[in-house]
Amino acid sequence: MRPVALVTGARRGIGRATCAALAAKGYDILGCDVAEDGADETAAAVAELGARFGFHICDVSDLDAVASMVDWAWREWGGLEALVNNAGVGVLQRGDILDVTPESWDRCMDINARGSFFVSQHVARRMVTESAPRRGHRALVFISSANAILASPDRAEYTASKTAVSMLARCFALRLADDGIPVYDIRPGVIRTDMTAPVVARYSQRIAEGLSPIRRWGEAEDVGNAIAALVGGAIPFSTGDAFHVDGGLHIQKL
C-alpha cells in the first residue's frame, strides 16, 4: 500500500535523483522518458531503496502518447499520489536572441510547458475523483528554473518556457487546493547534469567568482531531496509557492 509517484524525464539527472529521493520517502516509482537509455540505472537506484520501479517510453510533446502514458501509470499500481513534471530540454543553440529559430522555440514550449500542462491535466483529473487512492501525501510538482525570473537572452526560448511552467504551478495550485493536493514550483539553479555539460568550464569560473552566494555547483540530488521533502508533506501549509534550489543565485544584490 505504498503511495506511487510518476516522474517524467526519469532516466537520468534530476529525474533519476528525484526517483531515488521519493523511493527513500516510501514511494513506489513510475518513470517515463523519451528513450530507455539510462532507465536501468534509475531502476537499480530505486530498487536499492526497497521500492518498485516501472518505466514507460513517452515523448511528452506528443499528446496522444501523454494520454496513453498516464493511462498506463494510473492502472499500473492502482493510481497515483504524486506527479513530478521533470521532462525538459534546453535550446538547440545558445546565441543572439535575434537568431532564435521557430524550431527551437517550439521544441522548448512543446516539451517544457505544453507537455507539463497536459501530463498534469490528465493526472489531476484522476486525482480529484472519489476513487483516487490516498495511500500517502499527495502533490503535483513542476520543475521550472532560476530562469523563470532571471533573463538569459542567449536562450530566450528556454526562459520563456520555464516562466510558463512557473505560472502553471500557480494555476494548478488554485484549482487543486480544495481537493487537498498541494502544488509546488521547484526552481533549480546551475545544476550539474547532461544539459549543463557543454558549459561546465564557463559556469565553474562564474561560480568561483561569486555567481551564487554558495560557491559550488548544484547537484541533481540537491533538487531531488527538495522535491521529496515537499511531496512527503514537510511544508503542508503551502501551495503554489516557488522553492529555489540554486545556492542563492536568485537573490538580488546591490
Protein backbone atom coordinates (compact mmCIF):
# COMPACT_ATOMS: atom_id res chain seq x y z
CA MET A 1 0.00 0.00 0.00
CA ARG A 2 2.89 2.36 -0.64
CA PRO A 3 1.98 5.63 -2.39
CA VAL A 4 3.02 5.92 -6.05
CA ALA A 5 4.77 8.82 -7.79
CA LEU A 6 5.08 9.42 -11.52
CA VAL A 7 8.28 11.19 -12.60
CA THR A 8 8.73 12.40 -16.17
CA GLY A 9 12.24 12.58 -17.60
CA ALA A 10 13.20 9.83 -15.16
CA ARG A 11 16.17 8.14 -16.81
CA ARG A 12 18.99 10.46 -15.71
CA GLY A 13 19.98 13.67 -13.95
CA ILE A 14 17.39 15.40 -11.78
CA GLY A 15 14.78 12.83 -12.78
CA ARG A 16 16.84 9.91 -11.51
CA ALA A 17 17.76 11.74 -8.31
CA THR A 18 14.09 12.55 -7.73
CA CYS A 19 13.07 8.92 -8.21
CA ALA A 20 15.65 7.82 -5.63
CA ALA A 21 14.70 10.54 -3.13
CA LEU A 22 11.00 9.70 -3.38
CA ALA A 23 11.76 5.99 -3.03
CA ALA A 24 13.62 6.80 0.18
CA LYS A 25 10.47 8.60 1.38
CA GLY A 26 8.40 5.45 0.88
CA TYR A 27 7.01 5.93 -2.63
CA ASP A 28 6.97 3.37 -5.41
CA ILE A 29 8.06 5.00 -8.64
CA LEU A 30 6.76 5.07 -12.18
CA GLY A 31 9.02 6.85 -14.64
CA CYS A 32 8.79 7.90 -18.24
CA ASP A 33 11.25 9.37 -20.70
CA VAL A 34 11.74 9.78 -24.41
CA ALA A 35 14.19 6.84 -24.56
CA GLU A 36 15.26 3.84 -22.45
CA ASP A 37 18.96 4.66 -22.21
CA GLY A 38 19.73 5.13 -18.51
CA ALA A 39 16.42 3.77 -17.22
CA ASP A 40 18.10 0.62 -15.89
CA GLU A 41 20.35 2.75 -13.68
CA THR A 42 17.31 4.58 -12.31
CA ALA A 43 15.56 1.27 -11.68
CA ALA A 44 18.61 -0.01 -9.78
CA ALA A 45 18.77 3.13 -7.63
CA VAL A 46 15.10 2.79 -6.73
CA ALA A 47 15.33 -0.95 -6.05
CA GLU A 48 18.29 -0.41 -3.73
CA LEU A 49 15.97 1.67 -1.56
CA GLY A 50 13.33 -1.07 -1.41
CA ALA A 51 10.84 0.45 -3.84
CA ARG A 52 9.27 -0.74 -7.07
CA PHE A 53 10.05 0.94 -10.39
CA GLY A 54 8.15 0.82 -13.66
CA PHE A 55 9.14 2.57 -16.87
CA HIS A 56 7.31 3.74 -19.98
CA ILE A 57 8.69 5.45 -23.09
CA CYS A 58 6.88 8.73 -23.73
CA ASP A 59 7.61 11.94 -25.58
CA VAL A 60 5.60 14.50 -23.58
CA SER A 61 5.32 16.76 -26.63
CA ASP A 62 3.14 14.03 -28.24
CA LEU A 63 -0.28 14.49 -26.64
CA ASP A 64 -1.56 11.08 -27.75
CA ALA A 65 1.48 9.49 -26.15
CA VAL A 66 0.86 11.50 -22.97
CA ALA A 67 -2.70 10.22 -22.72
CA SER A 68 -1.56 6.62 -23.15
CA MET A 69 1.28 7.03 -20.68
CA VAL A 70 -0.95 8.44 -17.95
CA ASP A 71 -3.49 5.66 -18.56
CA TRP A 72 -0.67 3.16 -18.04
CA ALA A 73 0.61 4.91 -14.92
CA TRP A 74 -2.81 5.08 -13.30
CA ARG A 75 -3.55 1.41 -13.98
CA GLU A 76 -0.15 0.01 -13.09
CA TRP A 77 -0.37 0.10 -9.28
CA GLY A 78 -3.82 1.43 -8.56
CA GLY A 79 -3.45 5.16 -9.14
CA LEU A 80 -1.01 7.92 -8.29
CA GLU A 81 -0.40 10.12 -5.27
CA ALA A 82 2.27 12.36 -6.79
CA LEU A 83 3.46 13.72 -10.11
CA VAL A 84 6.81 15.37 -10.79
CA ASN A 85 7.00 17.21 -14.11
CA ASN A 86 10.72 16.96 -14.76
CA ALA A 87 10.95 16.27 -18.51
CA GLY A 88 12.55 19.22 -20.24
CA VAL A 89 15.01 20.39 -22.85
CA GLY A 90 17.33 23.33 -23.41
CA VAL A 91 17.76 25.42 -26.54
CA LEU A 92 19.05 23.95 -29.77
CA GLN A 93 21.81 26.57 -29.79
CA ARG A 94 22.70 29.43 -27.45
CA GLY A 95 23.21 32.73 -29.19
CA ASP A 96 21.74 36.06 -30.20
CA ILE A 97 18.02 36.40 -29.43
CA LEU A 98 17.67 37.79 -32.95
CA ASP A 99 18.68 34.39 -34.32
CA VAL A 100 16.22 32.19 -32.36
CA THR A 101 14.51 29.76 -34.74
CA PRO A 102 10.87 28.66 -34.69
CA GLU A 103 12.11 25.08 -34.33
CA SER A 104 13.99 25.82 -31.11
CA TRP A 105 11.12 27.94 -29.75
CA ASP A 106 8.51 25.26 -30.46
CA ARG A 107 10.69 22.50 -29.02
CA CYS A 108 11.11 24.29 -25.69
CA MET A 109 7.46 25.25 -25.45
CA ASP A 110 6.11 21.86 -26.55
CA ILE A 111 8.20 19.80 -24.13
CA ASN A 112 8.78 22.12 -21.19
CA ALA A 113 5.44 23.94 -20.98
CA ARG A 114 2.78 22.17 -23.04
CA GLY A 115 3.98 18.71 -22.03
CA SER A 116 3.95 19.60 -18.33
CA PHE A 117 0.48 21.10 -18.64
CA PHE A 118 -1.19 18.13 -20.30
CA VAL A 119 0.54 15.46 -18.20
CA SER A 120 -0.67 17.38 -15.13
CA GLN A 121 -4.16 17.77 -16.54
CA HIS A 122 -4.51 14.05 -17.22
CA VAL A 123 -3.19 13.12 -13.78
CA ALA A 124 -5.17 15.78 -11.89
CA ARG A 125 -8.46 14.74 -13.50
CA ARG A 126 -7.98 11.31 -11.95
CA MET A 127 -6.65 12.55 -8.61
CA VAL A 128 -9.76 14.63 -7.87
CA THR A 129 -12.15 11.68 -8.23
CA GLU A 130 -13.61 9.98 -5.16
CA SER A 131 -11.97 6.68 -6.17
CA ALA A 132 -8.44 8.14 -6.27
CA PRO A 133 -6.06 6.45 -3.81
CA ARG A 134 -4.81 8.19 -0.68
CA ARG A 135 -2.01 5.93 0.48
CA GLY A 136 0.24 8.85 1.44
CA HIS A 137 0.82 12.54 0.86
CA ARG A 138 -0.42 13.81 -2.49
CA ALA A 139 1.19 16.57 -4.56
CA LEU A 140 2.00 17.91 -8.01
CA VAL A 141 5.45 19.32 -8.71
CA PHE A 142 6.56 21.48 -11.62
CA ILE A 143 10.27 21.94 -12.22
CA SER A 144 10.81 25.35 -13.73
CA SER A 145 14.19 27.07 -13.38
CA ALA A 146 16.03 30.05 -11.97
CA ASN A 147 15.33 31.34 -15.48
CA ALA A 148 11.68 31.74 -14.51
CA ILE A 149 12.83 35.08 -13.08
CA LEU A 150 16.40 35.54 -14.37
CA ALA A 151 16.61 36.65 -18.00
CA SER A 152 19.11 34.93 -20.29
CA PRO A 153 18.83 36.48 -23.76
CA ASP A 154 21.18 33.85 -25.20
CA ARG A 155 18.43 31.25 -24.60
CA ALA A 156 15.25 33.29 -24.61
CA GLU A 157 13.01 30.43 -25.72
CA TYR A 158 14.09 28.33 -22.71
CA THR A 159 13.48 31.17 -20.25
CA ALA A 160 10.04 31.83 -21.76
CA SER A 161 9.06 28.17 -21.43
CA LYS A 162 10.21 27.97 -17.82
CA THR A 163 8.37 31.17 -16.91
CA ALA A 164 5.27 29.50 -18.34
CA VAL A 165 5.91 26.39 -16.24
CA SER A 166 6.10 28.51 -13.10
CA MET A 167 2.71 30.04 -13.86
CA LEU A 168 1.22 26.61 -14.48
CA ALA A 169 2.16 25.62 -10.94
CA ARG A 170 0.19 28.55 -9.54
CA CYS A 171 -2.83 27.86 -11.72
CA PHE A 172 -2.98 24.18 -10.75
CA ALA A 173 -2.44 25.16 -7.10
CA LEU A 174 -5.60 27.25 -7.18
CA ARG A 175 -7.62 24.51 -8.86
CA LEU A 176 -6.48 21.65 -6.62
CA ALA A 177 -6.35 23.32 -3.19
CA ASP A 178 -9.90 22.31 -2.23
CA ASP A 179 -9.04 18.72 -3.17
CA GLY A 180 -6.17 18.70 -0.69
CA ILE A 181 -3.49 18.45 -3.38
CA PRO A 182 -0.66 20.98 -2.96
CA VAL A 183 1.31 22.11 -5.98
CA TYR A 184 4.93 23.24 -5.90
CA ASP A 185 7.28 25.04 -8.29
CA ILE A 186 10.93 23.99 -8.00
CA ARG A 187 13.46 26.43 -9.45
CA PRO A 188 16.88 24.80 -9.87
CA GLY A 189 19.89 27.00 -10.50
CA VAL A 190 23.16 25.85 -12.04
CA ILE A 191 22.90 22.07 -11.63
CA ARG A 192 25.47 19.52 -12.79
CA THR A 193 23.58 17.46 -15.41
CA ASP A 194 23.95 16.36 -19.01
CA MET A 195 22.17 19.55 -20.06
CA THR A 196 24.83 21.77 -18.46
CA ALA A 197 27.80 19.61 -19.51
CA PRO A 198 28.66 21.81 -22.54
CA VAL A 199 29.05 24.90 -20.31
CA VAL A 200 30.93 23.39 -17.34
CA ALA A 201 34.07 25.50 -17.80
CA ARG A 202 32.13 28.73 -18.24
CA TYR A 203 29.93 28.25 -15.18
CA SER A 204 32.67 26.80 -12.98
CA GLN A 205 34.57 30.05 -13.41
CA ARG A 206 31.50 32.20 -12.80
CA ILE A 207 30.60 30.21 -9.66
CA ALA A 208 34.13 30.63 -8.34
CA GLU A 209 33.78 34.37 -8.95
CA GLY A 210 30.56 34.55 -6.88
CA LEU A 211 27.73 33.90 -9.34
CA SER A 212 25.82 32.35 -6.42
CA PRO A 213 26.43 33.01 -2.72
CA ILE A 214 27.01 29.28 -2.18
CA ARG A 215 30.04 28.83 -4.42
CA ARG A 216 29.56 25.34 -5.79
CA TRP A 217 27.67 23.53 -8.49
CA GLY A 218 24.25 22.26 -7.55
CA GLU A 219 23.86 18.51 -7.78
CA ALA A 220 20.84 16.57 -9.02
CA GLU A 221 20.44 15.19 -5.50
CA ASP A 222 20.01 18.72 -4.12
CA VAL A 223 16.92 19.08 -6.29
CA GLY A 224 15.63 15.55 -5.76
CA ASN A 225 15.84 15.86 -1.98
CA ALA A 226 13.95 19.16 -2.02
CA ILE A 227 11.19 17.62 -4.14
CA ALA A 228 10.91 14.58 -1.88
CA ALA A 229 10.66 16.75 1.23
CA LEU A 230 7.79 18.75 -0.25
CA VAL A 231 5.94 15.77 -1.69
CA GLY A 232 6.36 13.99 1.64
CA GLY A 233 4.49 16.76 3.46
CA ALA A 234 7.37 18.71 5.03
CA ILE A 235 5.61 22.06 4.45
CA PRO A 236 1.87 21.28 4.49
CA PHE A 237 0.62 24.89 4.71
CA SER A 238 1.99 25.84 1.31
CA THR A 239 0.77 25.59 -2.26
CA GLY A 240 1.69 27.41 -5.44
CA ASP A 241 4.97 28.53 -3.93
CA ALA A 242 8.31 28.59 -5.73
CA PHE A 243 11.24 26.91 -3.99
CA HIS A 244 14.68 27.98 -5.14
CA VAL A 245 17.35 25.29 -5.20
CA ASP A 246 20.09 27.49 -6.57
CA GLY A 247 22.62 28.34 -3.87
CA GLY A 248 21.12 31.82 -3.55
CA LEU A 249 21.50 32.66 -7.24
CA HIS A 250 18.10 34.37 -7.29
CA ILE A 251 18.97 36.89 -4.56
CA GLN A 252 19.27 40.38 -5.99
CA LYS A 253 22.26 42.24 -4.64
CA LEU A 254 23.46 45.81 -4.93
